[in-house]
């Protein structure tokens, strides 16, 4: 194997194997435990859309996870009120 230089992780002098990291740091990078993120796509299963800001999810999955339940609950109540008014 050709010498690829030293690992680019801070304070590591081991031989680089993949992506500029030694075997240990490359394994950590694959696991997502290194400072630079491995992927820039949504981490939701089988979703390949781009991430939403600093989140690990795309816009669609971010809104589904962090949506405001108060607005969702208020909408059906507002629709039910006008339907009851003409009947009274």
Protein backbone atom coordinates (compact mmCIF):
# COMPACT_ATOMS: atom_id res chain seq x y z
CA UNK A 1 0.00 0.00 0.00
CA UNK A 2 1.30 3.43 -0.85
CA UNK A 3 2.01 5.84 1.97
CA UNK A 4 -0.87 8.34 2.13
CA UNK A 5 0.66 10.46 4.90
CA UNK A 6 -0.42 10.90 8.47
CA UNK A 7 -3.92 10.97 9.90
CA UNK A 8 -5.54 14.41 9.65
CA UNK A 9 -7.19 14.07 13.09
CA UNK A 10 -5.77 16.39 15.73
CA UNK A 11 -2.75 14.99 17.62
CA UNK A 12 -2.66 11.72 15.64
CA UNK A 13 0.50 10.58 13.86
CA UNK A 14 -0.74 7.22 12.55
CA UNK A 15 -0.67 6.35 8.86
CA UNK A 16 -3.75 7.49 6.92
CA UNK A 17 -5.92 4.74 5.48
CA UNK A 18 -9.15 6.33 4.21
CA UNK A 19 -10.42 9.88 3.80
CA UNK A 20 -7.15 11.07 5.33
CA UNK A 21 -7.80 9.30 8.64
CA UNK A 22 -6.04 6.35 10.31
CA UNK A 23 -8.01 3.14 10.88
CA UNK A 24 -9.36 4.23 14.28
CA UNK A 25 -10.42 7.73 13.20
CA UNK A 26 -11.83 6.42 9.90
CA UNK A 27 -14.02 4.02 11.90
CA UNK A 28 -15.16 6.94 14.11
CA UNK A 29 -15.86 9.06 11.01
CA UNK A 30 -18.01 6.29 9.53
CA UNK A 31 -19.93 6.10 12.80
CA UNK A 32 -20.54 9.88 12.66
CA UNK A 33 -18.47 10.62 15.76
CA UNK A 34 -15.88 12.91 14.15
CA UNK A 35 -16.32 16.73 14.10
CA UNK A 36 -16.94 16.91 10.35
CA UNK A 37 -20.21 15.20 9.45
CA UNK A 38 -20.05 12.17 7.20
CA UNK A 39 -23.17 12.91 5.19
CA UNK A 40 -25.08 16.02 4.26
CA UNK A 41 -28.35 14.18 3.70
CA UNK A 42 -31.31 13.49 5.96
CA UNK A 43 -30.73 10.75 8.52
CA UNK A 44 -34.32 9.51 8.34
CA UNK A 45 -34.47 5.96 6.97
CA UNK A 46 -34.24 5.85 3.14
CA UNK A 47 -34.45 9.65 2.79
CA UNK A 48 -31.75 11.22 0.60
CA UNK A 49 -32.87 14.88 0.69
CA UNK A 50 -30.53 17.65 1.84
CA UNK A 51 -30.47 18.49 5.54
CA UNK A 52 -32.38 21.39 7.10
CA UNK A 53 -29.84 23.87 8.50
CA UNK A 54 -27.79 22.36 11.32
CA UNK A 55 -30.32 19.58 11.86
CA UNK A 56 -29.74 15.99 10.77
CA UNK A 57 -33.15 15.93 9.07
CA UNK A 58 -34.54 17.38 5.82
CA UNK A 59 -37.27 20.07 5.90
CA UNK A 60 -40.10 17.54 5.62
CA UNK A 61 -38.91 15.28 8.45
CA UNK A 62 -37.82 18.25 10.60
CA UNK A 63 -41.32 19.76 10.40
CA UNK A 64 -42.93 16.38 11.10
CA UNK A 65 -40.79 15.90 14.20
CA UNK A 66 -40.81 19.48 15.51
CA UNK A 67 -44.20 20.67 14.22
CA UNK A 68 -46.41 22.68 16.53
CA UNK A 69 -49.20 20.42 17.84
CA UNK A 70 -51.18 23.43 19.17
CA UNK A 71 -51.86 24.68 15.62
CA UNK A 72 -52.89 21.21 14.46
CA UNK A 73 -55.32 20.83 17.36
CA UNK A 74 -56.78 24.33 16.89
CA UNK A 75 -57.57 23.81 13.18
CA UNK A 76 -60.17 21.01 13.61
CA UNK A 77 -61.84 22.91 16.47
CA UNK A 78 -62.15 26.05 14.30
CA UNK A 79 -63.75 24.04 11.48
CA UNK A 80 -66.23 22.37 13.84
CA UNK A 81 -67.47 25.65 15.36
CA UNK A 82 -69.00 27.13 12.15
CA UNK A 83 -70.69 23.82 11.36
CA UNK A 84 -72.45 23.84 14.74
CA UNK A 85 -73.53 27.50 14.52
CA UNK A 86 -76.02 27.13 11.60
CA UNK A 87 -77.58 24.04 13.17
CA UNK A 88 -78.42 25.93 16.38
